[in-house]
Amino acid sequence: MDVADFPVSIEDPVNAAILRVSEDRIQGFRRDPWAAIADGSGVALDTVIARIDAMLRAGTIRRVRQTLLATNLAHGALAAWQVGPRKLDAAFEFMFRDDPFSGHVVIRTTDAATPGSNYRLWTTLKVPQGYALPKYAEFLRARVEADCVRLMPAKRLFALGVGHVRRRGLEVGSRANERADVLDPQIVGLDRREWRVLTALKREFAPAELVADLWAGRAAEAGVDLATFYEVAEGLHARGVIGRFSTFLEHVKPAAGNAPVTRYNALFHWQVPPGREIDAGREVGRHHIMTHAYWREAGPEFRNVNIMGVAHGLNKEILLAHKSAIDTHLAEAGIAVGYTNVFWGGRSEIKPSEIAPAVFAEFCRRQAIDPESMRDEAT
C-alpha cells in the first residue's frame, strides 16, 4: 500500500500506539530504532515505518531525528529577553529564522503583572565548545535591539522527554513511585571523526530516508563504514551525549486535518530554599505531566526562582490543577516554596540548536564577526 493511503491522524489507534512510544520512549542510540518502536507499540515493523513516513509527509510529524544531550556537548542556557513591544516580532523572527543557535523560540505572558513578566521572548541558546555564551548573547541582544537578556544555564536536569500522546488523559497529580533521576551536565570533548559521525547522526530524516536500514546512508555521509558508524555512535552513547530517537509532532499548529496536539505550554517557576534545589527538582520531575524539569538560577529579575519545568496540555485549568498538585506534593515533602509563577507560551517555533564549532565559525564570518573574538577565554 502506498503511504498516501495510510491514516495520518493522531486519533487513529494504530498511529496513537506508535506515537506513544516513538515520541520519547526510545532512549539512547539504537542500531534498529524501528524494531524498538515495533516492540513497544505492538505494531508490525513494516507498518511502523510506513505510518511514520505517512505522518511525516503529511506534516502530522514535523521531524524525525536522533536527539542529543546537547547540555553535554555545548554551552547552553535558557534565555529570557526583554524586548520593546514594537521590536518583539522582529526579534522572534530573527531568532527563529536566522539564528542557528537558538532552539525553542517562544513569546510568553503571565496572567498578571509579576516579576519578570516584561521578559516576553524566551529561547534556548547554545554555543559550541570553545566559544563564550555571554559574548554570543550580547551579539544577539544588540542585533535584535533587546533591552537586556537573562541567561539561565541548567545546573541539573530532572525530566527531559516530550511525549504528548502518552500524556493525554493523565490523572491530575500522577507521578512515578520514585523520585526523578538527576542529570549533571558535563561537557564532553569529541575528536574529528566523532564530530563527523555525530553531525550525520543528528540530522533530521527526510521521508525518503525512512527505510529499514536506517543508518547506512548516514555512515556514508560521515565517511565511515557501517560497523565503524555503530562503534562510534555507541561510544558516544556510553559517554552520555546521545538523547533519544524521536518523532516530533507538530503540536502547536493544526496539521493534516488534526486538531492541535496541545494548546497550552506552561513554564512553571518555583523558588525553593538554597540547598533544596536537587530535592525539589527530583520531586517535580517525577510528575508525569512534566516534559522538562531543571534547576536554573533565574536571579532577582524573577524573584530568585531556581526550579523550572514545562508542561503541555489542551486545557489551561487542568494544567493549573497539575501545578497545584505539584505544589501540594512539595509541601508534603517538606520543601518550602517561597514564590511561584506560571509563564504561558503563545507564539512559538521549535528547531534543533546547532552545536558544531565549524558551523558557528562560519556563521560569525557571515555576520562580519571574527570567530576568535567569540572564544571563551577560560578554555
Protein backbone atom coordinates (compact mmCIF):
# COMPACT_ATOMS: atom_id res chain seq x y z
CA MET A 1 0.00 0.00 0.00
CA ASP A 2 1.23 3.49 -0.84
CA VAL A 3 1.95 5.66 2.20
CA ALA A 4 -0.60 8.16 0.88
CA ASP A 5 -3.29 5.57 1.68
CA PHE A 6 -2.47 5.43 5.41
CA PRO A 7 -4.36 7.49 8.01
CA VAL A 8 -2.25 10.37 9.33
CA SER A 9 -4.34 11.49 12.29
CA ILE A 10 -3.01 11.07 15.82
CA GLU A 11 -6.51 9.87 16.72
CA ASP A 12 -6.07 6.75 14.57
CA PRO A 13 -5.50 3.92 17.11
CA VAL A 14 -2.52 2.43 15.27
CA ASN A 15 -0.84 5.82 14.91
CA ALA A 16 -1.55 6.60 18.57
CA ALA A 17 0.01 3.31 19.66
CA ILE A 18 3.14 4.08 17.63
CA LEU A 19 3.39 7.69 18.84
CA ARG A 20 3.03 6.76 22.49
CA VAL A 21 6.39 5.02 22.05
CA SER A 22 8.10 6.90 19.23
CA GLU A 23 7.75 10.41 20.66
CA ASP A 24 10.12 9.98 23.58
CA ARG A 25 10.47 6.36 24.71
CA ILE A 26 13.38 5.18 22.52
CA GLN A 27 16.29 6.26 24.66
CA GLY A 28 19.89 6.36 23.51
CA PHE A 29 21.33 5.13 20.22
CA ARG A 30 19.70 2.05 18.69
CA ARG A 31 21.01 0.20 15.67
CA ASP A 32 17.39 -0.56 14.82
CA PRO A 33 15.07 2.03 16.39
CA TRP A 34 12.21 0.78 14.21
CA ALA A 35 12.31 -2.61 15.94
CA ALA A 36 12.27 -0.91 19.35
CA ILE A 37 9.18 1.10 18.36
CA ALA A 38 7.51 -2.01 16.97
CA ASP A 39 8.24 -3.97 20.14
CA GLY A 40 7.00 -1.19 22.40
CA SER A 41 3.84 -0.44 20.43
CA GLY A 42 2.82 -3.94 19.36
CA VAL A 43 2.61 -2.74 15.74
CA ALA A 44 4.32 -4.67 12.93
CA LEU A 45 7.69 -3.24 11.92
CA ASP A 46 6.76 -2.55 8.28
CA THR A 47 3.62 -0.74 9.45
CA VAL A 48 5.62 1.36 11.92
CA ILE A 49 7.91 2.63 9.15
CA ALA A 50 5.03 3.22 6.71
CA ARG A 51 2.88 5.07 9.26
CA ILE A 52 5.70 7.34 10.45
CA ASP A 53 6.59 8.03 6.80
CA ALA A 54 2.98 8.95 6.03
CA MET A 55 2.64 11.18 9.10
CA LEU A 56 5.92 12.95 8.29
CA ARG A 57 4.89 13.61 4.69
CA ALA A 58 1.51 14.92 5.85
CA GLY A 59 3.00 17.21 8.49
CA THR A 60 1.48 15.44 11.50
CA ILE A 61 5.05 14.65 12.50
CA ARG A 62 7.26 17.70 11.98
CA ARG A 63 10.61 15.89 12.23
CA VAL A 64 12.20 12.51 12.84
CA ARG A 65 15.70 12.59 14.29
CA GLN A 66 18.19 11.24 16.75
CA THR A 67 18.39 13.79 19.53
CA LEU A 68 21.49 14.62 21.53
CA LEU A 69 22.07 15.55 25.13
CA ALA A 70 23.30 18.91 23.94
CA THR A 71 23.93 20.09 27.51
CA ASN A 72 26.92 17.72 27.40
CA LEU A 73 28.13 18.97 24.01
CA ALA A 74 27.72 22.74 24.04
CA HIS A 75 27.42 25.63 26.44
CA GLY A 76 23.74 26.42 26.74
CA ALA A 77 21.13 28.33 28.69
CA LEU A 78 17.51 29.28 28.78
CA ALA A 79 17.48 32.94 27.72
CA ALA A 80 14.83 35.47 28.64
CA TRP A 81 14.89 38.64 26.52
CA GLN A 82 13.36 41.99 27.42
CA VAL A 83 12.37 43.45 24.06
CA GLY A 84 10.22 46.50 23.39
CA PRO A 85 6.73 45.72 22.03
CA ARG A 86 7.45 47.21 18.60
CA LYS A 87 10.57 45.08 18.18
CA LEU A 88 9.25 41.83 19.63
CA ASP A 89 8.02 40.21 16.41
CA ALA A 90 11.19 41.08 14.51
CA ALA A 91 13.32 39.66 17.32
CA PHE A 92 11.25 36.47 17.26
CA GLU A 93 11.69 36.14 13.50
CA PHE A 94 15.46 36.60 13.67
CA MET A 95 15.90 34.06 16.47
CA PHE A 96 13.73 31.53 14.64
CA ARG A 97 14.72 32.01 11.01
CA ASP A 98 18.25 33.38 11.06
CA ASP A 99 19.97 32.20 14.24
CA PRO A 100 21.08 28.54 14.07
CA PHE A 101 21.98 28.52 17.78
CA SER A 102 18.56 29.47 19.16
CA GLY A 103 16.27 26.48 19.57
CA HIS A 104 12.87 26.86 21.21
CA VAL A 105 11.64 30.39 20.48
CA VAL A 106 8.55 31.35 22.47
CA ILE A 107 6.67 34.53 23.32
CA ARG A 108 5.40 34.16 26.88
CA THR A 109 2.91 36.00 29.08
CA THR A 110 1.78 35.82 32.69
CA ASP A 111 -1.78 36.06 33.98
CA ALA A 112 -0.90 39.27 35.85
CA ALA A 113 2.00 41.70 36.06
CA THR A 114 4.59 39.75 38.04
CA PRO A 115 8.38 39.80 38.47
CA GLY A 116 9.90 39.14 35.06
CA SER A 117 6.66 39.47 33.10
CA ASN A 118 8.29 42.15 30.92
CA TYR A 119 10.63 39.42 29.62
CA ARG A 120 8.36 38.32 26.78
CA LEU A 121 10.77 36.48 24.45
CA TRP A 122 12.20 33.18 25.69
CA THR A 123 14.65 31.00 23.80
CA THR A 124 17.03 28.17 24.34
CA LEU A 125 20.53 29.20 23.31
CA LYS A 126 23.71 27.20 22.74
CA VAL A 127 27.22 27.91 21.52
CA PRO A 128 29.72 25.18 20.57
CA GLN A 129 32.61 24.13 22.75
CA GLY A 130 35.36 26.73 22.98
CA TYR A 131 33.07 29.73 22.50
CA ALA A 132 31.59 32.05 25.13
CA LEU A 133 27.83 32.03 25.59
CA PRO A 134 27.66 35.54 27.17
CA LYS A 135 29.55 37.05 24.22
CA TYR A 136 27.18 35.49 21.72
CA ALA A 137 24.14 36.51 23.76
CA GLU A 138 25.39 40.10 23.73
CA PHE A 139 25.73 39.94 19.93
CA LEU A 140 22.12 38.73 19.69
CA ARG A 141 20.90 41.35 22.17
CA ALA A 142 22.41 44.12 20.06
CA ARG A 143 21.24 42.52 16.80
CA VAL A 144 17.56 42.36 17.82
CA GLU A 145 17.78 45.57 19.89
CA ALA A 146 16.70 43.90 23.12
CA ASP A 147 16.96 45.96 26.28
CA CYS A 148 18.58 43.12 28.23
CA VAL A 149 18.87 39.35 28.44
CA ARG A 150 18.95 36.96 31.38
CA LEU A 151 20.89 33.72 30.80
CA MET A 152 19.92 30.73 32.94
CA PRO A 153 22.16 27.69 32.39
CA ALA A 154 20.85 24.34 33.62
CA LYS A 155 22.72 23.30 36.76
CA ARG A 156 20.85 19.96 36.92
CA LEU A 157 18.14 18.27 34.83
CA PHE A 158 15.37 16.07 36.24
CA ALA A 159 12.99 15.43 33.32
CA LEU A 160 13.53 15.58 29.56
CA GLY A 161 11.07 13.98 27.16
CA VAL A 162 8.14 15.40 25.19
CA GLY A 163 5.52 12.68 24.72
CA HIS A 164 2.23 14.47 24.05
CA VAL A 165 0.14 11.46 23.02
CA ARG A 166 1.02 9.33 26.04
CA ARG A 167 0.33 12.29 28.38
CA ARG A 168 -3.24 12.69 27.20
CA GLY A 169 -5.77 12.00 29.93
CA LEU A 170 -3.24 11.89 32.76
CA GLU A 171 -4.79 11.84 36.21
CA VAL A 172 -4.08 15.13 37.96
CA GLY A 173 -1.06 14.67 40.21
CA SER A 174 0.02 11.43 38.57
CA ARG A 175 3.64 10.72 39.45
CA ALA A 176 6.26 7.98 39.47
CA ASN A 177 6.81 5.88 42.57
CA GLU A 178 10.44 7.01 42.74
CA ARG A 179 11.96 10.46 42.62
CA ALA A 180 13.37 11.58 39.28
CA ASP A 181 16.98 10.89 38.41
CA VAL A 182 19.49 13.73 38.32
CA LEU A 183 21.48 14.61 35.22
CA ASP A 184 24.57 16.72 35.84
CA PRO A 185 25.59 18.48 32.59
CA GLN A 186 29.27 17.89 31.81
CA ILE A 187 30.90 18.99 28.56
CA VAL A 188 32.35 16.04 26.63
CA GLY A 189 35.14 16.68 24.10
CA LEU A 190 35.00 14.93 20.71
CA ASP A 191 37.58 14.22 18.04
CA ARG A 192 37.06 14.96 14.34
CA ARG A 193 35.73 11.51 13.46
CA GLU A 194 33.26 11.65 16.34
CA TRP A 195 32.04 15.06 15.18
CA ARG A 196 31.55 13.72 11.64
CA VAL A 197 29.50 10.80 12.91
CA LEU A 198 27.56 12.97 15.34
CA THR A 199 26.76 15.55 12.65
CA ALA A 200 25.40 12.85 10.34
CA LEU A 201 23.62 11.10 13.21
CA LYS A 202 21.65 14.12 14.39
CA ARG A 203 20.42 15.45 11.06
CA GLU A 204 16.68 15.05 10.73
CA PHE A 205 15.38 12.44 8.30
CA ALA A 206 13.62 13.24 5.06
CA PRO A 207 10.71 10.90 4.26
CA ALA A 208 12.73 9.11 1.56
CA GLU A 209 15.34 8.22 4.20
CA LEU A 210 12.87 6.32 6.38
CA VAL A 211 13.97 2.85 5.33
CA ALA A 212 14.62 -0.34 7.24
CA ASP A 213 18.41 0.06 7.06
CA LEU A 214 18.22 3.49 8.66
CA TRP A 215 21.87 4.26 9.36
CA ALA A 216 23.64 3.03 6.21
CA GLY A 217 23.21 6.37 4.45
CA ARG A 218 24.37 8.29 7.49
CA ALA A 219 27.52 6.17 7.74
CA ALA A 220 28.35 7.03 4.13
CA GLU A 221 27.67 10.70 4.88
CA ALA A 222 30.14 10.54 7.78
CA GLY A 223 32.75 8.86 5.55
CA VAL A 224 32.94 5.63 7.56
CA ASP A 225 31.71 2.08 7.07
CA LEU A 226 28.57 0.99 8.92
CA ALA A 227 30.44 -1.04 11.54
CA THR A 228 32.56 1.99 12.41
CA PHE A 229 29.48 4.20 12.49
CA TYR A 230 27.87 1.86 15.01
CA GLU A 231 31.04 1.70 17.08
CA VAL A 232 31.39 5.48 17.26
CA ALA A 233 27.68 6.08 17.90
CA GLU A 234 27.61 3.52 20.69
CA GLY A 235 30.73 5.08 22.18
CA LEU A 236 29.03 8.47 22.13
CA HIS A 237 26.02 6.90 23.82
CA ALA A 238 28.25 5.46 26.55
CA ARG A 239 29.77 8.92 27.10
CA GLY A 240 26.36 10.47 27.72
CA VAL A 241 25.86 12.67 24.67
CA ILE A 242 23.05 10.76 22.91
CA GLY A 243 19.44 11.57 23.76
CA ARG A 244 16.68 9.58 22.12
CA PHE A 245 15.36 8.60 18.71
CA SER A 246 12.21 10.65 18.38
CA THR A 247 9.28 11.56 16.18
CA PHE A 248 8.32 15.15 17.00
CA LEU A 249 4.69 16.07 16.46
CA GLU A 250 3.53 19.37 15.03
CA HIS A 251 1.92 20.16 18.36
CA VAL A 252 1.04 23.84 18.21
CA LYS A 253 -0.29 24.36 14.69
CA PRO A 254 -3.04 22.18 13.19
CA ALA A 255 -1.62 19.86 10.53
CA ALA A 256 -3.05 17.30 8.12
CA GLY A 257 -6.56 17.90 9.40
CA ASN A 258 -5.57 17.20 13.01
CA ALA A 259 -6.64 19.39 15.87
CA PRO A 260 -3.60 20.76 17.71
CA VAL A 261 -1.93 18.13 19.88
CA THR A 262 -1.66 20.70 22.66
CA ARG A 263 -2.92 24.24 23.18
CA TYR A 264 -1.11 25.39 26.29
CA ASN A 265 2.61 25.49 27.02
CA ALA A 266 3.27 26.34 30.67
CA LEU A 267 6.65 27.24 32.14
CA PHE A 268 6.34 26.72 35.90
CA HIS A 269 8.61 28.60 38.31
CA TRP A 270 9.34 27.72 41.94
CA GLN A 271 11.65 29.40 44.44
CA VAL A 272 12.90 26.85 46.98
CA PRO A 273 15.46 27.32 49.75
CA PRO A 274 19.14 27.15 48.78
CA GLY A 275 20.38 23.62 49.34
CA ARG A 276 17.00 22.05 48.48
CA GLU A 277 17.19 22.51 44.71
CA ILE A 278 18.04 18.89 43.90
CA ASP A 279 15.41 17.55 46.30
CA ALA A 280 12.77 19.83 44.80
CA GLY A 281 13.79 19.07 41.23
CA ARG A 282 13.56 15.33 41.82
CA GLU A 283 10.07 15.73 43.28
CA VAL A 284 8.88 17.97 40.43
CA GLY A 285 10.50 15.74 37.80
CA ARG A 286 8.70 12.60 38.99
CA HIS A 287 5.32 14.08 37.97
CA HIS A 288 4.24 12.59 34.66
CA ILE A 289 2.89 15.86 33.28
CA MET A 290 6.36 17.45 33.26
CA THR A 291 8.14 17.28 29.91
CA HIS A 292 11.13 19.20 31.28
CA ALA A 293 12.31 19.97 34.80
CA TYR A 294 15.56 21.60 35.77
CA TRP A 295 17.47 23.70 38.28
CA ARG A 296 18.19 27.13 36.83
CA GLU A 297 19.05 30.28 38.75
CA ALA A 298 16.73 33.00 37.43
CA GLY A 299 18.06 35.84 39.57
CA PRO A 300 16.33 38.82 41.17
CA GLU A 301 14.51 39.67 37.93
CA PHE A 302 12.33 36.62 38.61
CA ARG A 303 12.41 36.70 42.43
CA ASN A 304 15.24 34.21 42.53
CA VAL A 305 13.25 31.20 41.32
CA ASN A 306 15.54 28.20 40.95
CA ILE A 307 13.35 25.28 39.85
CA MET A 308 11.60 25.42 36.49
CA GLY A 309 9.60 22.96 34.46
CA VAL A 310 7.48 22.76 31.32
CA ALA A 311 4.12 21.09 30.91
CA HIS A 312 1.77 20.97 27.92
CA GLY A 313 -1.95 20.36 27.69
CA LEU A 314 -5.21 21.04 25.89
CA ASN A 315 -6.91 22.64 28.90
CA LYS A 316 -5.47 25.51 30.92
CA GLU A 317 -7.40 24.71 34.08
CA ILE A 318 -6.22 21.12 34.06
CA LEU A 319 -2.61 22.27 33.70
CA LEU A 320 -3.11 24.58 36.68
CA ALA A 321 -4.59 21.67 38.63
CA HIS A 322 -1.45 19.63 37.86
CA LYS A 323 0.68 22.50 39.13
CA SER A 324 -1.42 22.77 42.28
CA ALA A 325 -0.88 19.04 42.87
CA ILE A 326 2.89 19.52 42.49
CA ASP A 327 2.79 22.47 44.91
CA THR A 328 0.96 20.31 47.45
CA HIS A 329 3.41 17.47 46.95
CA LEU A 330 6.39 19.78 47.53
CA ALA A 331 4.83 20.95 50.78
CA GLU A 332 4.20 17.35 51.85
CA ALA A 333 7.86 16.58 51.08
CA GLY A 334 8.91 19.35 53.44
CA ILE A 335 10.15 21.69 50.72
CA ALA A 336 9.07 25.27 51.29
CA VAL A 337 8.16 27.30 48.20
CA GLY A 338 8.77 30.99 48.76
CA TYR A 339 7.39 32.12 45.41
CA THR A 340 5.87 30.51 42.34
CA ASN A 341 4.61 31.67 38.95
CA VAL A 342 3.49 30.46 35.53
CA PHE A 343 4.67 31.85 32.18
CA TRP A 344 2.31 30.81 29.38
CA GLY A 345 3.58 30.18 25.87
CA GLY A 346 1.95 31.93 22.95
CA ARG A 347 3.58 32.15 19.55
CA SER A 348 6.29 29.50 19.36
CA GLU A 349 8.65 27.75 16.97
CA ILE A 350 10.91 24.83 17.80
CA LYS A 351 14.04 23.76 15.99
CA PRO A 352 17.25 21.96 16.98
CA SER A 353 20.08 24.25 18.07
CA GLU A 354 23.25 23.85 16.03
CA ILE A 355 26.28 22.82 18.12
CA ALA A 356 29.06 22.20 15.57
CA PRO A 357 32.08 24.50 16.04
CA ALA A 358 32.69 24.82 12.29
CA VAL A 359 29.12 25.99 11.70
CA PHE A 360 29.47 28.60 14.43
CA ALA A 361 32.71 29.96 12.98
CA GLU A 362 31.17 30.24 9.50
CA PHE A 363 28.06 31.95 10.87
CA CYS A 364 30.24 34.51 12.66
CA ARG A 365 32.09 35.29 9.43
CA ARG A 366 28.79 35.87 7.62
CA GLN A 367 27.88 38.35 10.36
CA ALA A 368 31.24 40.13 9.91
CA ILE A 369 32.43 38.86 13.29
CA ASP A 370 35.86 37.39 13.87
CA PRO A 371 35.12 33.93 15.35
CA GLU A 372 38.18 34.25 17.57
CA SER A 373 36.57 37.22 19.29
CA MET A 374 33.82 34.87 20.47
CA ARG A 375 36.25 32.48 22.13
CA ASP A 376 35.78 31.52 25.77
CA GLU A 377 38.93 32.89 27.35
CA ALA A 378 38.63 30.43 30.24
CA THR A 379 39.16 27.41 27.97
